[in-house]
N, C-alpha and C. Protein backbone atom coordinates (compact mmCIF):
# COMPACT_ATOMS: atom_id res chain seq x y z
N MET A 1 177.01 91.86 136.89
CA MET A 1 176.68 91.02 135.74
C MET A 1 175.40 91.52 135.08
N GLU A 2 174.42 91.83 135.90
CA GLU A 2 173.14 92.30 135.38
C GLU A 2 173.31 93.64 134.66
N GLN A 3 174.21 94.48 135.18
CA GLN A 3 174.46 95.77 134.54
C GLN A 3 175.11 95.58 133.18
N GLU A 4 176.03 94.58 133.05
CA GLU A 4 176.67 94.30 131.77
C GLU A 4 175.62 93.91 130.73
N ILE A 5 174.68 93.08 131.12
CA ILE A 5 173.62 92.64 130.20
C ILE A 5 172.77 93.83 129.79
N ASN A 6 172.45 94.68 130.72
CA ASN A 6 171.66 95.88 130.39
C ASN A 6 172.42 96.81 129.45
N ILE A 7 173.73 96.98 129.70
CA ILE A 7 174.54 97.84 128.83
C ILE A 7 174.63 97.22 127.43
N GLN A 8 174.84 95.91 127.36
CA GLN A 8 174.90 95.23 126.06
C GLN A 8 173.59 95.38 125.30
N SER A 9 172.48 95.16 125.97
CA SER A 9 171.20 95.28 125.27
C SER A 9 170.92 96.73 124.90
N LEU A 10 171.35 97.69 125.73
CA LEU A 10 171.18 99.10 125.43
C LEU A 10 172.02 99.50 124.22
N LEU A 11 173.27 99.03 124.20
CA LEU A 11 174.14 99.31 123.05
C LEU A 11 173.59 98.67 121.77
N ARG A 12 173.10 97.43 121.92
CA ARG A 12 172.53 96.74 120.76
C ARG A 12 171.33 97.52 120.22
N GLU A 13 170.46 97.97 121.08
CA GLU A 13 169.29 98.75 120.66
C GLU A 13 169.70 100.05 119.97
N PHE A 14 170.80 100.64 120.45
CA PHE A 14 171.24 101.91 119.88
C PHE A 14 171.96 101.72 118.55
N PHE A 15 172.92 100.76 118.50
CA PHE A 15 173.76 100.61 117.32
C PHE A 15 173.16 99.75 116.22
N GLU A 16 172.32 98.81 116.55
CA GLU A 16 171.77 97.90 115.53
C GLU A 16 171.05 98.64 114.40
N PRO A 17 170.15 99.58 114.69
CA PRO A 17 169.49 100.30 113.59
C PRO A 17 170.48 101.11 112.75
N ILE A 18 171.49 101.67 113.38
CA ILE A 18 172.50 102.45 112.64
C ILE A 18 173.29 101.55 111.71
N ILE A 19 173.70 100.41 112.23
CA ILE A 19 174.46 99.45 111.41
C ILE A 19 173.59 98.92 110.28
N ASP A 20 172.35 98.56 110.57
CA ASP A 20 171.43 98.09 109.54
C ASP A 20 171.26 99.13 108.44
N ASP A 21 171.09 100.38 108.82
CA ASP A 21 170.92 101.46 107.86
C ASP A 21 172.16 101.61 106.98
N CYS A 22 173.33 101.56 107.59
CA CYS A 22 174.59 101.68 106.83
C CYS A 22 174.74 100.53 105.83
N ILE A 23 174.45 99.34 106.29
CA ILE A 23 174.56 98.16 105.41
C ILE A 23 173.56 98.26 104.28
N THR A 24 172.34 98.65 104.59
CA THR A 24 171.30 98.79 103.55
C THR A 24 171.71 99.82 102.51
N ARG A 25 172.21 100.96 102.96
CA ARG A 25 172.65 102.00 102.01
C ARG A 25 173.79 101.52 101.13
N ALA A 26 174.76 100.84 101.75
CA ALA A 26 175.90 100.33 100.99
C ALA A 26 175.45 99.30 99.95
N LEU A 27 174.56 98.41 100.33
CA LEU A 27 174.05 97.40 99.38
C LEU A 27 173.25 98.04 98.25
N ASN A 28 172.41 99.02 98.58
CA ASN A 28 171.63 99.71 97.55
C ASN A 28 172.54 100.42 96.57
N LYS A 29 173.58 101.06 97.07
CA LYS A 29 174.53 101.76 96.19
C LYS A 29 175.21 100.75 95.27
N TYR A 30 175.64 99.63 95.84
CA TYR A 30 176.30 98.59 95.05
C TYR A 30 175.37 98.03 93.98
N ILE A 31 174.12 97.76 94.34
CA ILE A 31 173.14 97.22 93.39
C ILE A 31 172.87 98.21 92.27
N ASN A 32 172.72 99.49 92.61
CA ASN A 32 172.48 100.51 91.59
C ASN A 32 173.64 100.64 90.64
N GLU A 33 174.86 100.52 91.15
CA GLU A 33 176.03 100.59 90.27
C GLU A 33 176.07 99.40 89.33
N LEU A 34 175.65 98.24 89.79
CA LEU A 34 175.61 97.06 88.92
C LEU A 34 174.53 97.19 87.86
N ARG A 35 173.39 97.74 88.25
CA ARG A 35 172.24 97.82 87.36
C ARG A 35 172.48 98.80 86.21
N PHE A 36 173.12 99.91 86.50
CA PHE A 36 173.31 100.95 85.49
C PHE A 36 174.78 101.01 85.11
N ASP A 37 175.13 100.21 84.12
CA ASP A 37 176.49 100.22 83.64
C ASP A 37 176.82 101.59 83.08
N LYS A 38 177.97 102.08 83.45
CA LYS A 38 178.40 103.36 82.92
C LYS A 38 178.98 103.10 81.53
N PRO A 39 178.40 103.70 80.50
CA PRO A 39 178.89 103.43 79.15
C PRO A 39 180.24 104.09 78.90
N ASN A 40 181.04 103.49 78.03
CA ASN A 40 182.27 104.12 77.59
C ASN A 40 181.90 105.34 76.76
N GLU A 41 182.78 106.32 76.77
CA GLU A 41 182.49 107.53 76.00
C GLU A 41 182.32 107.21 74.51
N SER A 42 183.05 106.21 74.03
CA SER A 42 182.96 105.87 72.60
C SER A 42 181.64 105.18 72.28
N ASP A 43 180.92 104.67 73.30
CA ASP A 43 179.64 104.01 73.08
C ASP A 43 178.48 104.98 73.03
N VAL A 44 178.72 106.22 73.44
CA VAL A 44 177.66 107.24 73.47
C VAL A 44 177.90 108.23 72.33
N LEU A 45 176.85 108.47 71.57
CA LEU A 45 176.95 109.37 70.42
C LEU A 45 176.07 110.59 70.62
N GLY A 46 176.53 111.72 70.11
CA GLY A 46 175.69 112.90 70.03
C GLY A 46 174.94 112.89 68.71
N VAL A 47 174.21 113.94 68.42
CA VAL A 47 173.43 114.00 67.18
C VAL A 47 174.34 113.95 65.96
N ASP A 48 175.43 114.72 65.98
CA ASP A 48 176.35 114.72 64.83
C ASP A 48 176.93 113.34 64.58
N GLU A 49 177.38 112.70 65.66
CA GLU A 49 177.98 111.37 65.53
C GLU A 49 176.96 110.33 65.09
N ALA A 50 175.75 110.41 65.64
CA ALA A 50 174.69 109.47 65.25
C ALA A 50 174.34 109.66 63.79
N SER A 51 174.31 110.91 63.35
CA SER A 51 174.02 111.22 61.95
C SER A 51 175.06 110.59 61.03
N LYS A 52 176.32 110.72 61.39
CA LYS A 52 177.40 110.12 60.59
C LYS A 52 177.35 108.60 60.65
N TYR A 53 177.12 108.06 61.85
CA TYR A 53 177.10 106.61 62.05
C TYR A 53 175.99 105.97 61.23
N LEU A 54 174.82 106.60 61.21
CA LEU A 54 173.66 106.05 60.49
C LEU A 54 173.59 106.51 59.04
N LYS A 55 174.45 107.46 58.69
CA LYS A 55 174.45 108.03 57.33
C LYS A 55 173.09 108.64 57.02
N LEU A 56 172.57 109.40 58.02
CA LEU A 56 171.31 110.11 57.88
C LEU A 56 171.56 111.58 58.20
N SER A 57 170.73 112.44 57.66
CA SER A 57 170.87 113.87 57.96
C SER A 57 170.46 114.16 59.40
N LYS A 58 170.97 115.27 59.92
CA LYS A 58 170.60 115.66 61.28
C LYS A 58 169.10 115.91 61.41
N PRO A 59 168.44 116.57 60.42
CA PRO A 59 166.99 116.71 60.55
C PRO A 59 166.25 115.37 60.62
N THR A 60 166.75 114.36 59.92
CA THR A 60 166.14 113.04 59.97
C THR A 60 166.32 112.43 61.36
N ILE A 61 167.49 112.61 61.95
CA ILE A 61 167.73 112.12 63.31
C ILE A 61 166.76 112.79 64.28
N TYR A 62 166.62 114.13 64.16
CA TYR A 62 165.69 114.84 65.04
C TYR A 62 164.25 114.36 64.84
N LYS A 63 163.87 114.09 63.60
CA LYS A 63 162.51 113.60 63.30
C LYS A 63 162.30 112.22 63.94
N LEU A 64 163.28 111.35 63.82
CA LEU A 64 163.18 110.01 64.41
C LEU A 64 163.05 110.09 65.94
N THR A 65 163.77 111.01 66.55
CA THR A 65 163.66 111.15 68.00
C THR A 65 162.31 111.77 68.38
N MET A 66 161.86 112.74 67.61
CA MET A 66 160.58 113.38 67.90
C MET A 66 159.44 112.37 67.80
N ASP A 67 159.53 111.48 66.82
CA ASP A 67 158.51 110.44 66.63
C ASP A 67 158.74 109.24 67.55
N ARG A 68 159.79 109.29 68.35
CA ARG A 68 160.17 108.21 69.27
C ARG A 68 160.37 106.88 68.55
N GLU A 69 160.98 106.97 67.39
CA GLU A 69 161.24 105.76 66.62
C GLU A 69 162.63 105.20 66.88
N ILE A 70 163.55 106.05 67.29
CA ILE A 70 164.93 105.63 67.53
C ILE A 70 165.21 105.75 69.04
N PRO A 71 165.89 104.77 69.63
CA PRO A 71 166.19 104.86 71.06
C PRO A 71 167.18 106.00 71.32
N HIS A 72 166.85 106.83 72.29
CA HIS A 72 167.70 107.98 72.60
C HIS A 72 167.52 108.43 74.03
N TYR A 73 168.41 109.29 74.47
CA TYR A 73 168.37 109.86 75.80
C TYR A 73 168.43 111.37 75.66
N LYS A 74 167.76 112.07 76.56
CA LYS A 74 167.75 113.51 76.49
C LYS A 74 168.14 114.07 77.86
N LEU A 75 169.20 114.84 77.87
CA LEU A 75 169.64 115.53 79.08
C LEU A 75 169.60 117.02 78.78
N GLY A 76 168.66 117.70 79.39
CA GLY A 76 168.46 119.11 79.05
C GLY A 76 167.95 119.19 77.62
N LYS A 77 168.69 119.92 76.80
CA LYS A 77 168.31 120.03 75.38
C LYS A 77 169.17 119.14 74.48
N ARG A 78 170.07 118.40 75.07
CA ARG A 78 170.99 117.57 74.28
C ARG A 78 170.46 116.14 74.13
N LEU A 79 170.68 115.59 72.95
CA LEU A 79 170.28 114.21 72.67
C LEU A 79 171.52 113.32 72.64
N TYR A 80 171.36 112.12 73.17
CA TYR A 80 172.45 111.14 73.17
C TYR A 80 171.90 109.79 72.72
N PHE A 81 172.78 109.01 72.12
CA PHE A 81 172.42 107.69 71.60
C PHE A 81 173.50 106.70 72.03
N ARG A 82 173.09 105.48 72.34
CA ARG A 82 174.06 104.41 72.61
C ARG A 82 174.21 103.59 71.34
N LYS A 83 175.46 103.36 70.96
CA LYS A 83 175.73 102.59 69.73
C LYS A 83 175.05 101.23 69.76
N GLU A 84 175.13 100.55 70.88
CA GLU A 84 174.55 99.21 70.99
C GLU A 84 173.05 99.24 70.73
N GLU A 85 172.36 100.24 71.29
CA GLU A 85 170.91 100.34 71.10
C GLU A 85 170.57 100.72 69.66
N ILE A 86 171.40 101.55 69.04
CA ILE A 86 171.17 101.89 67.63
C ILE A 86 171.35 100.65 66.76
N ASP A 87 172.38 99.86 67.05
CA ASP A 87 172.60 98.62 66.29
C ASP A 87 171.41 97.67 66.44
N GLN A 88 170.89 97.54 67.65
CA GLN A 88 169.72 96.69 67.88
C GLN A 88 168.51 97.24 67.12
N TRP A 89 168.35 98.55 67.12
CA TRP A 89 167.24 99.19 66.41
C TRP A 89 167.34 98.91 64.91
N ILE A 90 168.53 98.99 64.36
CA ILE A 90 168.74 98.70 62.93
C ILE A 90 168.39 97.24 62.65
N ASN A 91 168.84 96.35 63.51
CA ASN A 91 168.62 94.91 63.28
C ASN A 91 167.15 94.52 63.36
N ARG A 92 166.34 95.31 64.09
CA ARG A 92 164.90 95.01 64.15
C ARG A 92 164.23 95.17 62.79
N GLY A 93 164.84 95.96 61.92
CA GLY A 93 164.25 96.19 60.60
C GLY A 93 164.78 95.25 59.53
N LYS A 94 165.45 94.19 59.95
CA LYS A 94 166.06 93.27 58.99
C LYS A 94 164.99 92.59 58.15
N ILE A 95 165.24 92.55 56.85
CA ILE A 95 164.35 91.86 55.92
C ILE A 95 164.93 90.46 55.69
N LYS A 96 164.09 89.47 55.84
CA LYS A 96 164.55 88.09 55.69
C LYS A 96 164.80 87.78 54.21
N THR A 97 165.81 86.94 54.00
CA THR A 97 166.11 86.49 52.64
C THR A 97 165.12 85.40 52.24
N LYS A 98 165.08 85.11 50.95
CA LYS A 98 164.21 84.03 50.47
C LYS A 98 164.57 82.71 51.14
N GLN A 99 165.87 82.49 51.34
CA GLN A 99 166.33 81.25 51.96
C GLN A 99 165.86 81.16 53.41
N GLU A 100 165.93 82.26 54.15
CA GLU A 100 165.46 82.26 55.54
C GLU A 100 163.96 81.99 55.62
N ILE A 101 163.21 82.58 54.71
CA ILE A 101 161.75 82.36 54.68
C ILE A 101 161.45 80.90 54.34
N SER A 102 162.18 80.38 53.37
CA SER A 102 161.99 78.99 52.98
C SER A 102 162.33 78.04 54.14
N ASP A 103 163.42 78.32 54.84
CA ASP A 103 163.81 77.49 55.97
C ASP A 103 162.75 77.53 57.07
N GLU A 104 162.22 78.72 57.34
CA GLU A 104 161.17 78.85 58.36
C GLU A 104 159.91 78.09 57.95
N ALA A 105 159.57 78.16 56.67
CA ALA A 105 158.39 77.46 56.18
C ALA A 105 158.57 75.94 56.30
N ASP A 106 159.76 75.46 55.92
CA ASP A 106 160.05 74.03 56.06
C ASP A 106 159.97 73.58 57.52
N GLU A 107 160.52 74.38 58.41
CA GLU A 107 160.49 74.04 59.83
C GLU A 107 159.05 74.03 60.35
N TYR A 108 158.26 75.01 59.95
CA TYR A 108 156.85 75.09 60.37
C TYR A 108 156.08 73.86 59.88
N LEU A 109 156.26 73.53 58.61
CA LEU A 109 155.55 72.38 58.05
C LEU A 109 155.97 71.08 58.70
N SER A 110 157.25 70.96 59.02
CA SER A 110 157.71 69.71 59.65
C SER A 110 157.16 69.60 61.08
N ARG A 111 157.08 70.73 61.80
CA ARG A 111 156.49 70.70 63.14
C ARG A 111 154.99 70.43 63.08
N ARG A 112 154.34 71.03 62.12
CA ARG A 112 152.90 70.87 61.98
C ARG A 112 152.54 69.42 61.61
N GLY A 113 153.38 68.85 60.74
CA GLY A 113 153.17 67.47 60.33
C GLY A 113 153.32 66.51 61.47
N ARG A 114 154.22 66.80 62.41
CA ARG A 114 154.43 65.92 63.56
C ARG A 114 153.26 65.93 64.52
N ARG A 115 152.56 67.05 64.58
CA ARG A 115 151.45 67.17 65.55
C ARG A 115 150.18 66.50 65.03
N ASN A 116 150.00 66.39 63.75
CA ASN A 116 148.77 65.80 63.20
C ASN A 116 148.81 64.31 63.18
């Protein structure tokens, strides 16, 4: 009986770190796959496609990347763009309409009036 307990504890000491390591690696791999969604090929654009999509010349695209104004990825000497990030970048430059400005002003004044 005592030998069985010693063998069990010996096996536990030997296998537990191996099993823990395997589980940790598997979980880390799973978490990394969740964190970094693999984009569809149609969601990733090269310089030519980005130029056509944005209706800008290729030199303008290169200038925007050089100035780090447009979100992009660089693998080796190639540049890549995600459509979703380009759309978000475009939307950041949205100019508000007179109606939107007026609505914001009305909302601000109504909130300010409530606090006084």
